[in-house]
Amino acid sequence: MRRLNRKKTLNLMKELDAFPKVPESYVETSASGGTVSLIAFTTIAFLTIMEFMVYQDTWMKYEYEVDKDFTSKLRINIDITVAMRCQYVGADVLDLAETMVASADGLIYEPVPFELTPQQKELQRMLQIIQSRLQEEHSLQDVIFKSAFKSASTALPPREDNSLHSPDACRIHGHLYVNKVAGNFHITVGKAIPHPRGHAHLAALVSHESYNFSHRIDHLSFGELIPGIINPLDGTEKIASDHNQMFQYFITVVPTKLHTYKISAETHQFSVTERERVINHAAGSHGVSGIFMKYDISSLMVTVTEEHMPFWQFLVRLCGIIGGIFSTTGILHGFGRFVAEIIFCRFRLGSYRSTSVPLPDGHTSNHLPLITDNSTH
């Protein structure tokens, strides 16, 4: 009884078989089929390798929303070298709320030579090349996001020849915390002092001949400091052509949440436009000599997330490649054999010619004579 049930079950499973097996004696192989199969296997192997490379890669997904955080402080990371002595320059921030943030809160004034060492020049040249490529190929920003914390810091390496160059410049570096409103970070002549109507700088004791606002921006960023991230002004160098010259940078800061497989941080991206002009009151060009960075905070926040293809999606795409190649090559091979058979059949039909057979009554027949057993004897 059990054997009978097993046979019934086995027969039922055979009837449900969607992949019937053809006996080998019924299968006919050909050279054309073998060639097409070889091409199909090669194509499948190539596409499988390419699909695996896509599976290993990741991409960045951008989402936008309104920034509702108005109470937190904004951190500004600064590393700027000005071609003037430290006692002649002062840096501070003044925002739209008339709140003044003095440089003593977090900035360090360090006397350094303005000329770079060969190693430092090489890093600066590399940063400038990357900045020019980023302006042309915006997709490189995704690569920088994914390589954060993997690459070395973009800060200049320390000098090794301090005894050969006398300090003729001032390196202003550190960080400041400001309100999340539009403001103006500036470096100008004289130290900043509080004032009831704003602020002022003690510039009267500095002669105009000593003005030189040639500068190099080694680093400028907003938000959390992330090693490996290259910002738009990193590596910028400006040489002043006149003593009374103003350099202006108009910056739009965008709050950004960065989530990758390596880090999760809250930082800020920014775009910048530059302008420089010589101060000449007689010609109508008014202003104050110095370096002015006017920043504004965007109301939108960007969330950048690194995503990866799921494994099930990779399997589905892989099955689609294998099945699609087999089906397509099978159709093409069948169509090619059909066309070839039609062409060869026409040649064969044309090779046969009708023959005339004389009849006893004097008529002729165009049909081929039948071959009988008697005619063979």
Protein backbone atom coordinates (compact mmCIF):
# COMPACT_ATOMS: atom_id res chain seq x y z
CA MET A 1 0.00 0.00 0.00
CA ARG A 2 2.84 2.33 0.87
CA ARG A 3 4.62 1.50 -2.38
CA LEU A 4 1.44 2.27 -4.32
CA ASN A 5 1.12 5.64 -2.63
CA ARG A 6 4.77 6.37 -3.36
CA LYS A 7 4.28 5.52 -7.03
CA LYS A 8 1.20 7.76 -7.24
CA THR A 9 3.09 10.58 -5.58
CA LEU A 10 6.06 10.08 -7.92
CA ASN A 11 3.83 10.04 -10.98
CA LEU A 12 2.09 13.22 -9.79
CA MET A 13 5.41 14.95 -9.33
CA LYS A 14 6.47 13.86 -12.83
CA GLU A 15 3.30 15.38 -14.29
CA LEU A 16 4.08 18.67 -12.51
CA ASP A 17 7.61 18.78 -13.95
CA ALA A 18 7.97 22.08 -15.83
CA PHE A 19 11.39 21.04 -17.13
CA PRO A 20 10.85 17.87 -19.19
CA LYS A 21 13.97 15.97 -20.12
CA VAL A 22 14.60 15.12 -23.77
CA PRO A 23 16.42 11.85 -24.41
CA GLU A 24 19.91 12.31 -25.80
CA SER A 25 19.05 10.22 -28.84
CA TYR A 26 16.54 12.90 -29.87
CA VAL A 27 19.00 15.78 -29.48
CA GLU A 28 20.87 16.95 -32.55
CA THR A 29 24.02 19.05 -32.15
CA SER A 30 25.55 21.28 -34.79
CA ALA A 31 28.61 23.44 -35.30
CA SER A 32 26.50 26.59 -35.55
CA GLY A 33 24.77 25.76 -32.27
CA GLY A 34 28.12 25.22 -30.58
CA THR A 35 29.39 28.58 -31.86
CA VAL A 36 26.30 30.40 -30.63
CA SER A 37 26.57 28.63 -27.26
CA LEU A 38 30.21 29.71 -26.92
CA ILE A 39 29.25 33.32 -27.66
CA ALA A 40 26.37 33.11 -25.18
CA PHE A 41 28.58 31.72 -22.38
CA THR A 42 31.22 34.41 -23.01
CA THR A 43 28.60 37.17 -22.93
CA ILE A 44 27.07 35.78 -19.74
CA ALA A 45 30.48 35.64 -18.04
CA PHE A 46 31.31 39.22 -19.06
CA LEU A 47 27.94 40.63 -17.96
CA THR A 48 28.10 38.69 -14.70
CA ILE A 49 31.48 40.23 -13.86
CA MET A 50 30.18 43.71 -14.71
CA GLU A 51 27.06 43.17 -12.61
CA PHE A 52 29.18 42.01 -9.66
CA MET A 53 31.23 45.21 -9.93
CA VAL A 54 28.01 47.24 -9.85
CA TYR A 55 26.87 45.25 -6.82
CA GLN A 56 30.09 46.06 -4.98
CA ASP A 57 29.76 49.78 -5.70
CA THR A 58 27.66 52.25 -3.70
CA TRP A 59 25.97 55.53 -4.54
CA MET A 60 24.86 58.62 -2.67
CA LYS A 61 21.18 59.45 -2.24
CA TYR A 62 20.20 63.10 -1.69
CA GLU A 63 17.07 64.10 0.22
CA TYR A 64 15.92 67.66 0.94
CA GLU A 65 13.87 69.05 3.80
CA VAL A 66 13.35 72.30 5.67
CA ASP A 67 15.93 72.98 8.38
CA LYS A 68 13.99 73.51 11.61
CA ASP A 69 17.01 73.93 13.88
CA PHE A 70 17.38 77.64 14.62
CA THR A 71 18.76 77.58 18.16
CA SER A 72 22.01 75.68 17.78
CA LYS A 73 25.34 77.32 17.13
CA LEU A 74 27.25 77.15 13.86
CA ARG A 75 30.90 76.22 14.01
CA ILE A 76 33.35 77.88 11.60
CA ASN A 77 36.72 76.15 11.09
CA ILE A 78 39.38 78.55 9.84
CA ASP A 79 42.99 78.21 8.70
CA ILE A 80 44.09 81.30 6.75
CA THR A 81 47.55 82.78 6.28
CA VAL A 82 47.77 86.54 5.61
CA ALA A 83 50.98 88.17 4.32
CA MET A 84 51.08 90.66 7.21
CA ARG A 85 52.48 90.51 10.69
CA CYS A 86 50.13 89.33 13.40
CA GLN A 87 50.20 92.64 15.32
CA TYR A 88 48.82 94.44 12.25
CA VAL A 89 45.72 92.31 11.57
CA GLY A 90 42.57 91.31 13.44
CA ALA A 91 39.80 88.80 12.73
CA ASP A 92 36.26 88.68 14.05
CA VAL A 93 32.65 87.86 13.11
CA LEU A 94 29.67 90.20 13.08
CA ASP A 95 26.25 88.70 12.31
CA LEU A 96 22.89 90.26 11.44
CA ALA A 97 21.87 90.19 15.08
CA GLU A 98 24.73 92.63 15.74
CA THR A 99 26.46 89.93 17.76
CA MET A 100 30.23 90.23 17.67
CA VAL A 101 32.43 87.18 18.14
CA ALA A 102 36.02 88.17 18.86
CA SER A 103 38.91 86.08 17.63
CA ALA A 104 40.11 85.54 21.20
CA ASP A 105 37.31 83.01 21.66
CA GLY A 106 38.92 80.34 19.50
CA LEU A 107 41.41 81.68 16.93
CA ILE A 108 45.17 81.49 17.24
CA TYR A 109 47.54 84.03 15.65
CA GLU A 110 50.78 82.31 14.68
CA PRO A 111 53.72 84.12 13.00
CA VAL A 112 54.85 82.05 10.00
CA PRO A 113 56.67 82.57 6.70
CA PHE A 114 54.25 83.16 3.83
CA GLU A 115 56.39 81.18 1.37
CA LEU A 116 55.60 77.46 1.34
CA THR A 117 58.06 74.60 1.42
CA PRO A 118 58.25 72.29 -1.63
CA GLN A 119 56.22 69.63 0.18
CA GLN A 120 53.53 72.16 1.12
CA LYS A 121 53.45 73.54 -2.44
CA GLU A 122 52.86 70.03 -3.77
CA LEU A 123 49.84 69.53 -1.50
CA GLN A 124 48.46 72.96 -2.41
CA ARG A 125 48.86 72.23 -6.12
CA MET A 126 47.04 68.91 -5.63
CA LEU A 127 44.15 70.69 -3.86
CA GLN A 128 43.88 73.23 -6.68
CA ILE A 129 43.72 70.44 -9.28
CA ILE A 130 40.97 68.69 -7.31
CA GLN A 131 39.04 71.97 -7.02
CA SER A 132 39.20 72.54 -10.79
CA ARG A 133 37.98 68.97 -11.42
CA LEU A 134 35.14 69.38 -8.93
CA GLN A 135 33.90 72.43 -10.83
CA GLU A 136 33.67 70.33 -14.01
CA GLU A 137 32.61 66.93 -12.64
CA HIS A 138 30.20 67.26 -9.73
CA SER A 139 29.99 63.47 -9.35
CA LEU A 140 33.45 63.56 -7.76
CA GLN A 141 31.82 65.01 -4.66
CA ASP A 142 30.21 61.61 -4.03
CA VAL A 143 33.65 60.01 -4.12
CA ILE A 144 34.90 62.54 -1.56
CA PHE A 145 31.91 61.85 0.71
CA LYS A 146 32.52 58.09 0.56
CA SER A 147 36.26 58.49 1.19
CA ALA A 148 35.79 60.64 4.32
CA PHE A 149 37.94 59.44 7.24
CA LYS A 150 39.76 57.15 4.78
CA SER A 151 42.11 59.74 3.32
CA ALA A 152 44.59 61.88 5.19
CA SER A 153 43.77 65.35 6.43
CA THR A 154 43.92 68.16 3.88
CA ALA A 155 45.86 70.39 6.29
CA LEU A 156 49.32 71.49 5.22
CA PRO A 157 52.18 69.43 6.68
CA PRO A 158 54.40 71.22 9.25
CA ARG A 159 57.41 73.15 8.03
CA GLU A 160 60.84 71.59 8.28
CA ASP A 161 62.96 74.70 7.56
CA ASN A 162 61.75 77.18 10.17
CA SER A 163 65.27 78.52 10.67
CA LEU A 164 65.68 79.50 7.01
CA HIS A 165 62.69 81.83 6.71
CA SER A 166 61.80 84.71 9.02
CA PRO A 167 58.11 85.04 9.92
CA ASP A 168 56.64 87.65 7.59
CA ALA A 169 52.99 86.48 7.68
CA CYS A 170 50.31 85.54 10.18
CA ARG A 171 48.51 82.23 10.26
CA ILE A 172 45.03 82.59 11.77
CA HIS A 173 43.61 79.18 12.61
CA GLY A 174 41.09 77.64 14.98
CA HIS A 175 37.31 77.68 15.20
CA LEU A 176 34.47 79.99 16.23
CA TYR A 177 30.86 79.35 17.28
CA VAL A 178 28.35 81.81 15.84
CA ASN A 179 24.58 82.14 15.59
CA LYS A 180 22.81 80.37 12.72
CA VAL A 181 22.09 83.64 10.92
CA ALA A 182 23.85 85.49 8.13
CA GLY A 183 27.12 87.06 9.17
CA ASN A 184 30.45 88.42 8.06
CA PHE A 185 33.79 86.96 9.03
CA HIS A 186 36.55 89.39 8.12
CA ILE A 187 40.25 89.96 8.53
CA THR A 188 41.36 93.56 8.29
CA VAL A 189 43.94 95.98 9.64
CA GLY A 190 44.09 96.43 13.40
CA LYS A 191 42.68 94.51 16.33
CA ALA A 192 38.92 94.48 16.79
CA ILE A 193 37.40 96.43 19.69
CA PRO A 194 33.75 96.52 20.85
CA HIS A 195 31.72 99.57 19.92
CA PRO A 196 28.19 100.66 20.93
CA ARG A 197 27.15 100.90 17.29
CA GLY A 198 28.89 97.75 16.15
CA HIS A 199 32.63 97.30 16.25
CA ALA A 200 35.82 98.95 15.08
CA HIS A 201 39.45 98.11 14.33
CA LEU A 202 42.53 99.95 15.58
CA ALA A 203 44.04 100.70 12.19
CA ALA A 204 45.32 104.23 12.76
CA LEU A 205 48.74 103.09 13.95
CA VAL A 206 49.41 100.96 10.86
CA SER A 207 50.87 102.66 7.77
CA HIS A 208 49.29 102.03 4.37
CA GLU A 209 52.62 100.88 2.95
CA SER A 210 52.53 97.82 5.21
CA TYR A 211 49.09 96.73 3.92
CA ASN A 212 49.32 93.41 2.11
CA PHE A 213 46.27 91.20 2.09
CA SER A 214 47.74 88.50 -0.07
CA HIS A 215 46.43 85.37 1.57
CA ARG A 216 46.17 81.62 1.35
CA ILE A 217 43.12 79.68 2.55
CA ASP A 218 44.38 76.30 3.67
CA HIS A 219 41.02 75.33 5.14
CA LEU A 220 37.57 76.83 5.62
CA SER A 221 34.55 74.78 6.61
CA PHE A 222 31.32 75.01 8.55
CA GLY A 223 30.03 72.49 11.07
CA GLU A 224 31.75 69.38 12.31
CA LEU A 225 35.33 69.01 11.13
CA ILE A 226 35.60 65.85 9.01
CA PRO A 227 39.07 64.79 7.81
CA GLY A 228 39.20 63.95 4.13
CA ILE A 229 36.43 66.33 3.05
CA ILE A 230 37.65 68.95 0.56
CA ASN A 231 35.80 72.26 0.75
CA PRO A 232 35.43 74.78 -2.10
CA LEU A 233 38.01 77.27 -0.76
CA ASP A 234 40.68 74.81 0.38
CA GLY A 235 43.96 75.57 -1.37
CA THR A 236 42.90 79.03 -2.59
CA GLU A 237 45.70 81.60 -2.89
CA LYS A 238 45.26 85.27 -3.76
CA ILE A 239 48.08 87.76 -4.36
CA ALA A 240 47.25 91.43 -3.83
CA SER A 241 48.24 93.79 -6.64
CA ASP A 242 47.77 96.92 -4.47
CA HIS A 243 48.14 97.84 -0.83
CA ASN A 244 44.50 98.93 -0.51
CA GLN A 245 42.77 95.86 -1.87
CA MET A 246 39.57 94.13 -0.78
CA PHE A 247 38.89 90.44 -1.24
CA GLN A 248 35.27 89.35 -0.88
CA TYR A 249 33.81 85.86 -0.66
CA PHE A 250 30.04 85.42 -0.78
CA ILE A 251 29.18 82.06 0.76
CA THR A 252 25.88 80.14 0.91
CA VAL A 253 25.95 77.49 3.63
CA VAL A 254 23.71 74.41 3.34
CA PRO A 255 23.22 72.23 6.47
CA THR A 256 24.06 68.63 5.59
CA LYS A 257 23.62 65.32 7.35
CA LEU A 258 26.10 62.77 6.06
CA HIS A 259 25.42 59.06 6.57
CA THR A 260 27.89 56.63 5.01
CA TYR A 261 29.07 53.13 5.91
CA LYS A 262 32.09 54.72 7.61
CA ILE A 263 30.76 57.82 9.37
CA SER A 264 27.60 59.60 10.42
CA ALA A 265 28.04 63.33 10.97
CA GLU A 266 26.29 66.68 10.75
CA THR A 267 28.30 69.07 8.63
CA HIS A 268 27.67 71.87 6.14
CA GLN A 269 28.33 72.24 2.45
CA PHE A 270 28.71 75.64 0.88
CA SER A 271 29.02 77.37 -2.46
CA VAL A 272 31.04 80.51 -2.98
CA THR A 273 31.50 83.39 -5.41
CA GLU A 274 34.56 85.64 -5.31
CA ARG A 275 35.24 89.29 -5.99
CA GLU A 276 38.26 91.51 -5.52
CA ARG A 277 38.81 95.21 -6.12
CA VAL A 278 41.21 98.00 -5.26
CA ILE A 279 39.94 100.60 -2.77
CA ASN A 280 40.19 104.03 -4.38
CA HIS A 281 37.88 106.64 -2.92
CA ALA A 282 38.75 109.16 -5.62
CA ALA A 283 37.54 106.73 -8.30
CA GLY A 284 34.36 105.85 -6.40
CA SER A 285 35.55 102.47 -5.14
CA HIS A 286 34.79 102.72 -1.44
CA GLY A 287 35.29 100.19 1.31
CA VAL A 288 37.89 98.84 3.70
CA SER A 289 40.97 96.88 2.74
CA GLY A 290 40.89 93.31 3.95
CA ILE A 291 39.42 89.84 3.52
CA PHE A 292 35.64 89.60 3.93
CA MET A 293 33.69 86.34 3.99
CA LYS A 294 29.96 87.04 3.98
CA TYR A 295 27.98 83.88 4.66
CA ASP A 296 24.27 83.13 4.60
CA ILE A 297 22.49 80.04 5.94
CA SER A 298 20.16 78.14 3.60
CA SER A 299 16.71 77.24 4.88
CA LEU A 300 16.97 73.77 3.30
CA MET A 301 18.82 70.83 4.78
CA VAL A 302 20.33 68.04 2.69
CA THR A 303 20.57 64.45 3.89
CA VAL A 304 23.23 62.48 2.02
CA THR A 305 22.98 58.71 2.48
CA GLU A 306 25.24 56.05 1.03
CA GLU A 307 23.21 53.18 -0.39
CA HIS A 308 24.08 49.70 -1.61
CA MET A 309 22.29 47.29 -3.92
CA PRO A 310 20.45 44.57 -1.93
CA PHE A 311 21.64 41.00 -2.43
CA TRP A 312 18.21 39.83 -3.60
CA GLN A 313 18.19 42.49 -6.28
CA PHE A 314 21.62 41.35 -7.41
CA LEU A 315 20.32 37.76 -7.74
CA VAL A 316 17.25 38.90 -9.70
CA ARG A 317 19.38 40.92 -12.11
CA LEU A 318 21.81 38.00 -12.46
CA CYS A 319 18.97 35.59 -13.30
CA GLY A 320 17.64 38.10 -15.81
CA ILE A 321 21.04 38.27 -17.51
CA ILE A 322 21.44 34.49 -17.77
CA GLY A 323 17.86 33.80 -18.88
CA GLY A 324 17.78 36.74 -21.26
CA ILE A 325 21.02 35.77 -23.00
CA PHE A 326 19.92 32.16 -23.42
CA SER A 327 16.51 33.15 -24.78
CA THR A 328 17.88 35.82 -27.11
CA THR A 329 20.64 33.66 -28.55
CA GLY A 330 18.19 30.76 -29.00
CA ILE A 331 15.79 32.97 -30.96
CA LEU A 332 18.58 34.42 -33.10
CA HIS A 333 20.03 30.99 -33.78
CA GLY A 334 16.64 29.58 -34.78
CA PHE A 335 15.95 32.54 -37.05
CA GLY A 336 19.38 32.21 -38.63
CA ARG A 337 18.87 28.50 -39.35
CA PHE A 338 15.45 29.24 -40.83
CA VAL A 339 16.89 31.85 -43.22
CA ALA A 340 19.80 29.56 -44.13
CA GLU A 341 17.46 26.66 -44.90
CA ILE A 342 15.32 28.84 -47.19
CA ILE A 343 18.39 30.03 -49.11
CA PHE A 344 19.90 26.54 -49.44
CA CYS A 345 16.55 25.03 -50.50
CA ARG A 346 16.32 27.50 -53.40
CA PHE A 347 19.78 26.55 -54.57
CA ARG A 348 18.90 22.85 -54.40
CA LEU A 349 15.63 23.30 -56.32
CA GLY A 350 17.45 25.22 -59.02
CA SER A 351 20.00 22.44 -59.46
CA TYR A 352 17.30 19.93 -60.57
CA ARG A 353 16.32 20.16 -64.24
CA SER A 354 13.35 18.42 -65.90
CA THR A 355 14.15 15.58 -68.38
CA SER A 356 12.10 14.43 -71.43
CA VAL A 357 11.10 10.75 -71.74
CA PRO A 358 9.89 9.44 -75.23
CA LEU A 359 6.53 7.62 -75.23
CA PRO A 360 5.49 4.82 -77.67
CA ASP A 361 2.89 7.06 -79.39
CA GLY A 362 5.54 9.64 -80.28
CA HIS A 363 4.75 12.08 -77.42
CA THR A 364 7.23 13.09 -74.76
CA SER A 365 6.86 13.30 -70.99
CA ASN A 366 8.67 15.85 -68.84
CA HIS A 367 8.23 13.75 -65.72
CA LEU A 368 11.05 11.70 -64.34
CA PRO A 369 10.71 7.97 -65.07
CA LEU A 370 9.72 5.80 -62.18
CA ILE A 371 12.27 3.30 -61.03
CA THR A 372 10.78 -0.11 -60.56
CA ASP A 373 12.16 -3.40 -59.47
CA ASN A 374 11.98 -4.78 -63.05
CA SER A 375 14.03 -1.91 -64.43
CA THR A 376 16.90 -2.73 -62.15
CA HIS A 377 17.35 -6.16 -63.59
